[in-house]
Amino acid sequence: KSIYDKIEFYIPHRFSEGYGVSQKGIQYAIDE
């Protein structure tokens, strides 16, 4: 972020997504 603006972060929700890379997280990346 100190050198580039088009960056964001994603943390899965413990209860609705569980541990690690999630389907919802990948879908978010696709949609965005």
PDB file of all heavy atoms in Angstrom:
ATOM      1  N   LYS A   1       0.830  -1.199   0.000  1.00  0.00           N
ATOM      2  CA  LYS A   1       0.000   0.000   0.000  1.00  0.00           C
ATOM      3  C   LYS A   1       0.872   1.260   0.000  1.00  0.00           C
ATOM      4  O   LYS A   1       0.453   2.313  -0.489  1.00  0.00           O
ATOM      5  CB  LYS A   1      -0.921  -0.009   1.228  1.00  0.00           C
ATOM      6  CG  LYS A   1      -1.993   1.072   1.223  1.00  0.00           C
ATOM      7  CD  LYS A   1      -3.039   0.826   0.144  1.00  0.00           C
ATOM      8  CE  LYS A   1      -4.160   1.835   0.232  1.00  0.00           C
ATOM      9  NZ  LYS A   1      -5.141   1.663  -0.858  1.00  0.00           N
ATOM     10  N   SER A   2       2.082   1.145   0.529  1.00  0.00           N
ATOM     11  CA  SER A   2       2.981   2.311   0.558  1.00  0.00           C
ATOM     12  C   SER A   2       3.510   2.667  -0.825  1.00  0.00           C
ATOM     13  O   SER A   2       4.016   3.768  -1.034  1.00  0.00           O
ATOM     14  CB  SER A   2       4.155   2.041   1.512  1.00  0.00           C
ATOM     15  OG  SER A   2       5.057   1.090   0.968  1.00  0.00           O
ATOM     16  N   ILE A   3       3.384   1.725  -1.782  1.00  0.00           N
ATOM     17  CA  ILE A   3       3.893   2.001  -3.131  1.00  0.00           C
ATOM     18  C   ILE A   3       2.821   1.847  -4.220  1.00  0.00           C
ATOM     19  O   ILE A   3       3.068   2.173  -5.378  1.00  0.00           O
ATOM     20  CB  ILE A   3       5.080   1.067  -3.479  1.00  0.00           C
ATOM     21  CG1 ILE A   3       4.682  -0.410  -3.395  1.00  0.00           C
ATOM     22  CG2 ILE A   3       6.271   1.351  -2.583  1.00  0.00           C
ATOM     23  CD1 ILE A   3       5.734  -1.384  -3.911  1.00  0.00           C
ATOM     24  N   TYR A   4       1.607   1.369  -3.828  1.00  0.00           N
ATOM     25  CA  TYR A   4       0.601   1.038  -4.849  1.00  0.00           C
ATOM     26  C   TYR A   4      -0.787   1.130  -4.233  1.00  0.00           C
ATOM     27  O   TYR A   4      -1.011   0.703  -3.100  1.00  0.00           O
ATOM     28  CB  TYR A   4       0.863  -0.380  -5.363  1.00  0.00           C
ATOM     29  CG  TYR A   4      -0.014  -0.817  -6.515  1.00  0.00           C
ATOM     30  CD1 TYR A   4       0.021  -0.151  -7.732  1.00  0.00           C
ATOM     31  CD2 TYR A   4      -0.860  -1.919  -6.390  1.00  0.00           C
ATOM     32  CE1 TYR A   4      -0.782  -0.559  -8.787  1.00  0.00           C
ATOM     33  CE2 TYR A   4      -1.651  -2.344  -7.442  1.00  0.00           C
ATOM     34  CZ  TYR A   4      -1.621  -1.661  -8.644  1.00  0.00           C
ATOM     35  OH  TYR A   4      -2.407  -2.073  -9.691  1.00  0.00           O
ATOM     36  N   ASP A   5      -1.747   1.672  -4.998  1.00  0.00           N
ATOM     37  CA  ASP A   5      -3.086   1.934  -4.459  1.00  0.00           C
ATOM     38  C   ASP A   5      -4.117   0.828  -4.673  1.00  0.00           C
ATOM     39  O   ASP A   5      -4.999   0.638  -3.835  1.00  0.00           O
ATOM     40  CB  ASP A   5      -3.652   3.230  -5.060  1.00  0.00           C
ATOM     41  CG  ASP A   5      -3.171   4.454  -4.307  1.00  0.00           C
ATOM     42  OD1 ASP A   5      -2.761   4.292  -3.144  1.00  0.00           O
ATOM     43  OD2 ASP A   5      -3.173   5.549  -4.886  1.00  0.00           O
ATOM     44  N   LYS A   6      -4.019   0.102  -5.790  1.00  0.00           N
ATOM     45  CA  LYS A   6      -5.100  -0.835  -6.144  1.00  0.00           C
ATOM     46  C   LYS A   6      -4.892  -2.184  -5.454  1.00  0.00           C
ATOM     47  O   LYS A   6      -4.637  -3.202  -6.069  1.00  0.00           O
ATOM     48  CB  LYS A   6      -5.198  -0.990  -7.660  1.00  0.00           C
ATOM     49  CG  LYS A   6      -5.656   0.287  -8.348  1.00  0.00           C
ATOM     50  CD  LYS A   6      -5.822   0.120  -9.840  1.00  0.00           C
ATOM     51  CE  LYS A   6      -7.067  -0.661 -10.189  1.00  0.00           C
ATOM     52  NZ  LYS A   6      -7.329  -0.641 -11.659  1.00  0.00           N
ATOM     53  N   ILE A   7      -4.999  -2.123  -4.139  1.00  0.00           N
ATOM     54  CA  ILE A   7      -4.748  -3.308  -3.333  1.00  0.00           C
ATOM     55  C   ILE A   7      -5.739  -3.335  -2.173  1.00  0.00           C
ATOM     56  O   ILE A   7      -6.073  -2.295  -1.615  1.00  0.00           O
ATOM     57  CB  ILE A   7      -3.286  -3.308  -2.837  1.00  0.00           C
ATOM     58  CG1 ILE A   7      -2.950  -4.586  -2.101  1.00  0.00           C
ATOM     59  CG2 ILE A   7      -2.972  -2.094  -1.979  1.00  0.00           C
ATOM     60  CD1 ILE A   7      -1.454  -4.795  -1.942  1.00  0.00           C
ATOM     61  N   GLU A   8      -6.246  -4.504  -1.863  1.00  0.00           N
ATOM     62  CA  GLU A   8      -7.155  -4.659  -0.732  1.00  0.00           C
ATOM     63  C   GLU A   8      -6.888  -5.992  -0.048  1.00  0.00           C
ATOM     64  O   GLU A   8      -6.089  -6.789  -0.534  1.00  0.00           O
ATOM     65  CB  GLU A   8      -8.613  -4.534  -1.181  1.00  0.00           C
ATOM     66  CG  GLU A   8      -9.033  -5.469  -2.293  1.00  0.00           C
ATOM     67  CD  GLU A   8     -10.452  -5.161  -2.761  1.00  0.00           C
ATOM     68  OE1 GLU A   8     -11.391  -5.464  -1.997  1.00  0.00           O
ATOM     69  OE2 GLU A   8     -10.613  -4.633  -3.872  1.00  0.00           O
ATOM     70  N   PHE A   9      -7.554  -6.212   1.083  1.00  0.00           N
ATOM     71  CA  PHE A   9      -7.323  -7.470   1.802  1.00  0.00           C
ATOM     72  C   PHE A   9      -8.629  -8.197   2.063  1.00  0.00           C
ATOM     73  O   PHE A   9      -9.713  -7.605   2.029  1.00  0.00           O
ATOM     74  CB  PHE A   9      -6.562  -7.228   3.113  1.00  0.00           C
ATOM     75  CG  PHE A   9      -7.365  -6.523   4.189  1.00  0.00           C
ATOM     76  CD1 PHE A   9      -8.158  -7.248   5.064  1.00  0.00           C
ATOM     77  CD2 PHE A   9      -7.297  -5.143   4.336  1.00  0.00           C
ATOM     78  CE1 PHE A   9      -8.894  -6.612   6.060  1.00  0.00           C
ATOM     79  CE2 PHE A   9      -8.022  -4.498   5.319  1.00  0.00           C
ATOM     80  CZ  PHE A   9      -8.824  -5.242   6.192  1.00  0.00           C
ATOM     81  N   TYR A  10      -8.507  -9.491   2.310  1.00  0.00           N
ATOM     82  CA  TYR A  10      -9.676 -10.333   2.586  1.00  0.00           C
ATOM     83  C   TYR A  10      -9.327 -11.310   3.706  1.00  0.00           C
ATOM     84  O   TYR A  10      -8.300 -11.987   3.642  1.00  0.00           O
ATOM     85  CB  TYR A  10     -10.074 -11.117   1.330  1.00  0.00           C
ATOM     86  CG  TYR A  10     -11.395 -11.844   1.449  1.00  0.00           C
ATOM     87  CD1 TYR A  10     -12.565 -11.274   0.953  1.00  0.00           C
ATOM     88  CD2 TYR A  10     -11.484 -13.097   2.057  1.00  0.00           C
ATOM     89  CE1 TYR A  10     -13.788 -11.920   1.067  1.00  0.00           C
ATOM     90  CE2 TYR A  10     -12.704 -13.751   2.181  1.00  0.00           C
ATOM     91  CZ  TYR A  10     -13.847 -13.159   1.675  1.00  0.00           C
ATOM     92  OH  TYR A  10     -15.058 -13.799   1.789  1.00  0.00           O
ATOM     93  N   ILE A  11     -10.193 -11.356   4.715  1.00  0.00           N
ATOM     94  CA  ILE A  11     -10.063 -12.322   5.813  1.00  0.00           C
ATOM     95  C   ILE A  11     -11.344 -13.146   5.856  1.00  0.00           C
ATOM     96  O   ILE A  11     -12.433 -12.581   5.987  1.00  0.00           O
ATOM     97  CB  ILE A  11      -9.871 -11.613   7.176  1.00  0.00           C
ATOM     98  CG1 ILE A  11      -8.658 -10.685   7.158  1.00  0.00           C
ATOM     99  CG2 ILE A  11      -9.764 -12.651   8.299  1.00  0.00           C
ATOM    100  CD1 ILE A  11      -7.323 -11.368   7.142  1.00  0.00           C
ATOM    101  N   PRO A  12     -11.271 -14.469   5.717  1.00  0.00           N
ATOM    102  CA  PRO A  12     -12.495 -15.279   5.767  1.00  0.00           C
ATOM    103  C   PRO A  12     -13.123 -15.221   7.157  1.00  0.00           C
ATOM    104  O   PRO A  12     -12.410 -15.096   8.164  1.00  0.00           O
ATOM    105  CB  PRO A  12     -12.007 -16.694   5.436  1.00  0.00           C
ATOM    106  CG  PRO A  12     -10.560 -16.700   5.829  1.00  0.00           C
ATOM    107  CD  PRO A  12     -10.056 -15.306   5.575  1.00  0.00           C
ATOM    108  N   HIS A  13     -14.441 -15.325   7.207  1.00  0.00           N
ATOM    109  CA  HIS A  13     -15.145 -15.330   8.486  1.00  0.00           C
ATOM    110  C   HIS A  13     -15.093 -16.733   9.076  1.00  0.00           C
ATOM    111  O   HIS A  13     -15.406 -17.719   8.404  1.00  0.00           O
ATOM    112  CB  HIS A  13     -16.602 -14.886   8.299  1.00  0.00           C
ATOM    113  CG  HIS A  13     -17.270 -14.509   9.583  1.00  0.00           C
ATOM    114  ND1 HIS A  13     -17.763 -15.447  10.462  1.00  0.00           N
ATOM    115  CD2 HIS A  13     -17.510 -13.291  10.149  1.00  0.00           C
ATOM    116  CE1 HIS A  13     -18.293 -14.834  11.507  1.00  0.00           C
ATOM    117  NE2 HIS A  13     -18.149 -13.524  11.341  1.00  0.00           N
ATOM    118  N   ARG A  14     -14.682 -16.814  10.330  1.00  0.00           N
ATOM    119  CA  ARG A  14     -14.479 -18.113  10.980  1.00  0.00           C
ATOM    120  C   ARG A  14     -15.705 -19.025  10.886  1.00  0.00           C
ATOM    121  O   ARG A  14     -15.595 -20.215  10.599  1.00  0.00           O
ATOM    122  CB  ARG A  14     -14.129 -17.877  12.457  1.00  0.00           C
ATOM    123  CG  ARG A  14     -13.915 -19.139  13.266  1.00  0.00           C
ATOM    124  CD  ARG A  14     -13.772 -18.791  14.750  1.00  0.00           C
ATOM    125  NE  ARG A  14     -13.535 -19.971  15.545  1.00  0.00           N
ATOM    126  CZ  ARG A  14     -12.341 -20.419  15.885  1.00  0.00           C
ATOM    127  NH1 ARG A  14     -11.262 -19.777  15.500  1.00  0.00           N
ATOM    128  NH2 ARG A  14     -12.204 -21.501  16.633  1.00  0.00           N
ATOM    129  N   PHE A  15     -16.902 -18.459  11.111  1.00  0.00           N
ATOM    130  CA  PHE A  15     -18.111 -19.290  11.208  1.00  0.00           C
ATOM    131  C   PHE A  15     -18.746 -19.573   9.857  1.00  0.00           C
ATOM    132  O   PHE A  15     -19.215 -20.675   9.603  1.00  0.00           O
ATOM    133  CB  PHE A  15     -19.116 -18.635  12.163  1.00  0.00           C
ATOM    134  CG  PHE A  15     -18.558 -18.423  13.539  1.00  0.00           C
ATOM    135  CD1 PHE A  15     -18.305 -17.151  14.016  1.00  0.00           C
ATOM    136  CD2 PHE A  15     -18.236 -19.507  14.350  1.00  0.00           C
ATOM    137  CE1 PHE A  15     -17.761 -16.948  15.275  1.00  0.00           C
ATOM    138  CE2 PHE A  15     -17.693 -19.321  15.617  1.00  0.00           C
ATOM    139  CZ  PHE A  15     -17.455 -18.039  16.083  1.00  0.00           C
ATOM    140  N   SER A  16     -18.773 -18.594   8.968  1.00  0.00           N
ATOM    141  CA  SER A  16     -19.453 -18.801   7.684  1.00  0.00           C
ATOM    142  C   SER A  16     -18.544 -19.352   6.589  1.00  0.00           C
ATOM    143  O   SER A  16     -19.023 -19.915   5.604  1.00  0.00           O
ATOM    144  CB  SER A  16     -20.093 -17.488   7.206  1.00  0.00           C
ATOM    145  OG  SER A  16     -19.109 -16.498   7.002  1.00  0.00           O
ATOM    146  N   GLU A  17     -17.218 -19.195   6.743  1.00  0.00           N
ATOM    147  CA  GLU A  17     -16.295 -19.653   5.697  1.00  0.00           C
ATOM    148  C   GLU A  17     -15.294 -20.690   6.166  1.00  0.00           C
ATOM    149  O   GLU A  17     -14.841 -21.520   5.391  1.00  0.00           O
ATOM    150  CB  GLU A  17     -15.532 -18.449   5.117  1.00  0.00           C
ATOM    151  CG  GLU A  17     -16.420 -17.477   4.371  1.00  0.00           C
ATOM    152  CD  GLU A  17     -15.656 -16.243   3.947  1.00  0.00           C
ATOM    153  OE1 GLU A  17     -14.863 -16.314   2.993  1.00  0.00           O
ATOM    154  OE2 GLU A  17     -15.844 -15.188   4.597  1.00  0.00           O
ATOM    155  N   GLY A  18     -14.906 -20.621   7.438  1.00  0.00           N
ATOM    156  CA  GLY A  18     -13.940 -21.579   7.956  1.00  0.00           C
ATOM    157  C   GLY A  18     -12.510 -21.209   7.612  1.00  0.00           C
ATOM    158  O   GLY A  18     -12.220 -20.141   7.080  1.00  0.00           O
ATOM    159  N   TYR A  19     -11.618 -22.159   7.906  1.00  0.00           N
ATOM    160  CA  TYR A  19     -10.183 -21.911   7.786  1.00  0.00           C
ATOM    161  C   TYR A  19      -9.721 -21.867   6.335  1.00  0.00           C
ATOM    162  O   TYR A  19     -10.207 -22.622   5.491  1.00  0.00           O
ATOM    163  CB  TYR A  19      -9.420 -23.024   8.534  1.00  0.00           C
ATOM    164  CG  TYR A  19      -7.938 -22.977   8.330  1.00  0.00           C
ATOM    165  CD1 TYR A  19      -7.147 -22.083   9.056  1.00  0.00           C
ATOM    166  CD2 TYR A  19      -7.311 -23.784   7.387  1.00  0.00           C
ATOM    167  CE1 TYR A  19      -5.783 -22.007   8.852  1.00  0.00           C
ATOM    168  CE2 TYR A  19      -5.938 -23.722   7.182  1.00  0.00           C
ATOM    169  CZ  TYR A  19      -5.194 -22.833   7.920  1.00  0.00           C
ATOM    170  OH  TYR A  19      -3.846 -22.763   7.706  1.00  0.00           O
ATOM    171  N   GLY A  20      -8.749 -21.005   6.048  1.00  0.00           N
ATOM    172  CA  GLY A  20      -8.048 -21.033   4.768  1.00  0.00           C
ATOM    173  C   GLY A  20      -8.813 -20.389   3.625  1.00  0.00           C
ATOM    174  O   GLY A  20      -9.773 -19.646   3.816  1.00  0.00           O
ATOM    175  N   VAL A  21      -8.363 -20.697   2.409  1.00  0.00           N
ATOM    176  CA  VAL A  21      -8.978 -20.130   1.199  1.00  0.00           C
ATOM    177  C   VAL A  21     -10.408 -20.662   1.087  1.00  0.00           C
ATOM    178  O   VAL A  21     -10.651 -21.866   1.216  1.00  0.00           O
ATOM    179  CB  VAL A  21      -8.167 -20.501  -0.055  1.00  0.00           C
ATOM    180  CG1 VAL A  21      -8.834 -19.958  -1.311  1.00  0.00           C
ATOM    181  CG2 VAL A  21      -6.730 -19.974   0.069  1.00  0.00           C
ATOM    182  N   SER A  22     -11.364 -19.776   0.840  1.00  0.00           N
ATOM    183  CA  SER A  22     -12.773 -20.165   0.784  1.00  0.00           C
ATOM    184  C   SER A  22     -13.363 -19.904  -0.596  1.00  0.00           C
ATOM    185  O   SER A  22     -12.869 -19.062  -1.353  1.00  0.00           O
ATOM    186  CB  SER A  22     -13.577 -19.394   1.836  1.00  0.00           C
ATOM    187  OG  SER A  22     -13.665 -18.014   1.481  1.00  0.00           O
ATOM    188  N   GLN A  23     -14.432 -20.607  -0.884  1.00  0.00           N
ATOM    189  CA  GLN A  23     -15.180 -20.384  -2.128  1.00  0.00           C
ATOM    190  C   GLN A  23     -15.675 -18.941  -2.197  1.00  0.00           C
ATOM    191  O   GLN A  23     -15.585 -18.279  -3.228  1.00  0.00           O
ATOM    192  CB  GLN A  23     -16.379 -21.352  -2.183  1.00  0.00           C
ATOM    193  CG  GLN A  23     -17.265 -21.202  -3.413  1.00  0.00           C
ATOM    194  CD  GLN A  23     -16.728 -21.927  -4.630  1.00  0.00           C
ATOM    195  OE1 GLN A  23     -16.089 -22.958  -4.490  1.00  0.00           O
ATOM    196  NE2 GLN A  23     -16.978 -21.396  -5.812  1.00  0.00           N
ATOM    197  N   LYS A  24     -16.170 -18.457  -1.063  1.00  0.00           N
ATOM    198  CA  LYS A  24     -16.688 -17.084  -1.006  1.00  0.00           C
ATOM    199  C   LYS A  24     -15.576 -16.071  -1.292  1.00  0.00           C
ATOM    200  O   LYS A  24     -15.796 -15.068  -1.975  1.00  0.00           O
ATOM    201  CB  LYS A  24     -17.299 -16.836   0.372  1.00  0.00           C
ATOM    202  CG  LYS A  24     -17.992 -15.490   0.514  1.00  0.00           C
ATOM    203  CD  LYS A  24     -18.634 -15.362   1.892  1.00  0.00           C
ATOM    204  CE  LYS A  24     -19.249 -13.984   2.080  1.00  0.00           C
ATOM    205  NZ  LYS A  24     -19.810 -13.813   3.438  1.00  0.00           N
ATOM    206  N   GLY A  25     -14.381 -16.347  -0.777  1.00  0.00           N
ATOM    207  CA  GLY A  25     -13.259 -15.444  -0.998  1.00  0.00           C
ATOM    208  C   GLY A  25     -12.843 -15.378  -2.455  1.00  0.00           C
ATOM    209  O   GLY A  25     -12.575 -14.299  -2.994  1.00  0.00           O
ATOM    210  N   ILE A  26     -12.794 -16.545  -3.106  1.00  0.00           N
ATOM    211  CA  ILE A  26     -12.449 -16.577  -4.537  1.00  0.00           C
ATOM    212  C   ILE A  26     -13.542 -15.891  -5.354  1.00  0.00           C
ATOM    213  O   ILE A  26     -13.241 -15.142  -6.298  1.00  0.00           O
ATOM    214  CB  ILE A  26     -12.235 -18.026  -5.031  1.00  0.00           C
ATOM    215  CG1 ILE A  26     -11.064 -18.687  -4.270  1.00  0.00           C
ATOM    216  CG2 ILE A  26     -11.969 -18.049  -6.527  1.00  0.00           C
ATOM    217  CD1 ILE A  26      -9.725 -18.041  -4.471  1.00  0.00           C
ATOM    218  N   GLN A  27     -14.793 -16.138  -4.977  1.00  0.00           N
ATOM    219  CA  GLN A  27     -15.898 -15.502  -5.705  1.00  0.00           C
ATOM    220  C   GLN A  27     -15.842 -13.982  -5.562  1.00  0.00           C
ATOM    221  O   GLN A  27     -16.117 -13.247  -6.521  1.00  0.00           O
ATOM    222  CB  GLN A  27     -17.242 -16.033  -5.200  1.00  0.00           C
ATOM    223  CG  GLN A  27     -18.423 -15.676  -6.095  1.00  0.00           C
ATOM    224  CD  GLN A  27     -18.252 -16.168  -7.518  1.00  0.00           C
ATOM    225  OE1 GLN A  27     -18.001 -17.363  -7.737  1.00  0.00           O
ATOM    226  NE2 GLN A  27     -18.362 -15.277  -8.498  1.00  0.00           N
ATOM    227  N   TYR A  28     -15.466 -13.522  -4.367  1.00  0.00           N
ATOM    228  CA  TYR A  28     -15.295 -12.081  -4.147  1.00  0.00           C
ATOM    229  C   TYR A  28     -14.244 -11.535  -5.115  1.00  0.00           C
ATOM    230  O   TYR A  28     -14.447 -10.484  -5.737  1.00  0.00           O
ATOM    231  CB  TYR A  28     -14.876 -11.809  -2.705  1.00  0.00           C
ATOM    232  CG  TYR A  28     -14.530 -10.358  -2.445  1.00  0.00           C
ATOM    233  CD1 TYR A  28     -15.521  -9.432  -2.148  1.00  0.00           C
ATOM    234  CD2 TYR A  28     -13.207  -9.901  -2.519  1.00  0.00           C
ATOM    235  CE1 TYR A  28     -15.206  -8.089  -1.922  1.00  0.00           C
ATOM    236  CE2 TYR A  28     -12.891  -8.569  -2.300  1.00  0.00           C
ATOM    237  CZ  TYR A  28     -13.892  -7.674  -2.003  1.00  0.00           C
ATOM    238  OH  TYR A  28     -13.596  -6.344  -1.796  1.00  0.00           O
ATOM    239  N   ALA A  29     -13.140 -12.247  -5.253  1.00  0.00           N
ATOM    240  CA  ALA A  29     -12.071 -11.800  -6.151  1.00  0.00           C
ATOM    241  C   ALA A  29     -12.553 -11.739  -7.597  1.00  0.00           C
ATOM    242  O   ALA A  29     -12.230 -10.805  -8.337  1.00  0.00           O
ATOM    243  CB  ALA A  29     -10.862 -12.733  -6.027  1.00  0.00           C
ATOM    244  N   ILE A  30     -13.335 -12.736  -7.999  1.00  0.00           N
ATOM    245  CA  ILE A  30     -13.888 -12.758  -9.363  1.00  0.00           C
ATOM    246  C   ILE A  30     -14.819 -11.556  -9.571  1.00  0.00           C
ATOM    247  O   ILE A  30     -14.710 -10.822 -10.568  1.00  0.00           O
ATOM    248  CB  ILE A  30     -14.637 -14.084  -9.627  1.00  0.00           C
ATOM    249  CG1 ILE A  30     -13.657 -15.262  -9.621  1.00  0.00           C
ATOM    250  CG2 ILE A  30     -15.406 -14.028 -10.953  1.00  0.00           C
ATOM    251  CD1 ILE A  30     -14.331 -16.624  -9.572  1.00  0.00           C
ATOM    252  N   ASP A  31     -15.722 -11.352  -8.620  1.00  0.00           N
ATOM    253  CA  ASP A  31     -16.713 -10.268  -8.730  1.00  0.00           C
ATOM    254  C   ASP A  31     -16.049  -8.891  -8.736  1.00  0.00           C
ATOM    255  O   ASP A  31     -16.556  -7.956  -9.361  1.00  0.00           O
ATOM    256  CB  ASP A  31     -17.718 -10.344  -7.568  1.00  0.00           C
ATOM    257  CG  ASP A  31     -18.588 -11.592  -7.620  1.00  0.00           C
ATOM    258  OD1 ASP A  31     -18.655 -12.227  -8.704  1.00  0.00           O
ATOM    259  OD2 ASP A  31     -19.184 -11.940  -6.590  1.00  0.00           O
ATOM    260  N   GLU A  32     -14.915  -8.769  -8.066  1.00  0.00           N
ATOM    261  CA  GLU A  32     -14.238  -7.469  -7.949  1.00  0.00           C
ATOM    262  C   GLU A  32     -13.145  -7.280  -9.002  1.00  0.00           C
ATOM    263  O   GLU A  32     -12.366  -6.323  -8.930  1.00  0.00           O
ATOM    264  CB  GLU A  32     -13.630  -7.322  -6.554  1.00  0.00           C
ATOM    265  CG  GLU A  32     -14.655  -7.240  -5.432  1.00  0.00           C
ATOM    266  CD  GLU A  32     -15.531  -6.012  -5.538  1.00  0.00           C
ATOM    267  OE1 GLU A  32     -14.991  -4.914  -5.783  1.00  0.00           O
ATOM    268  OE2 GLU A  32     -16.767  -6.151  -5.381  1.00  0.00           O
TER     269      GLU A  32
END
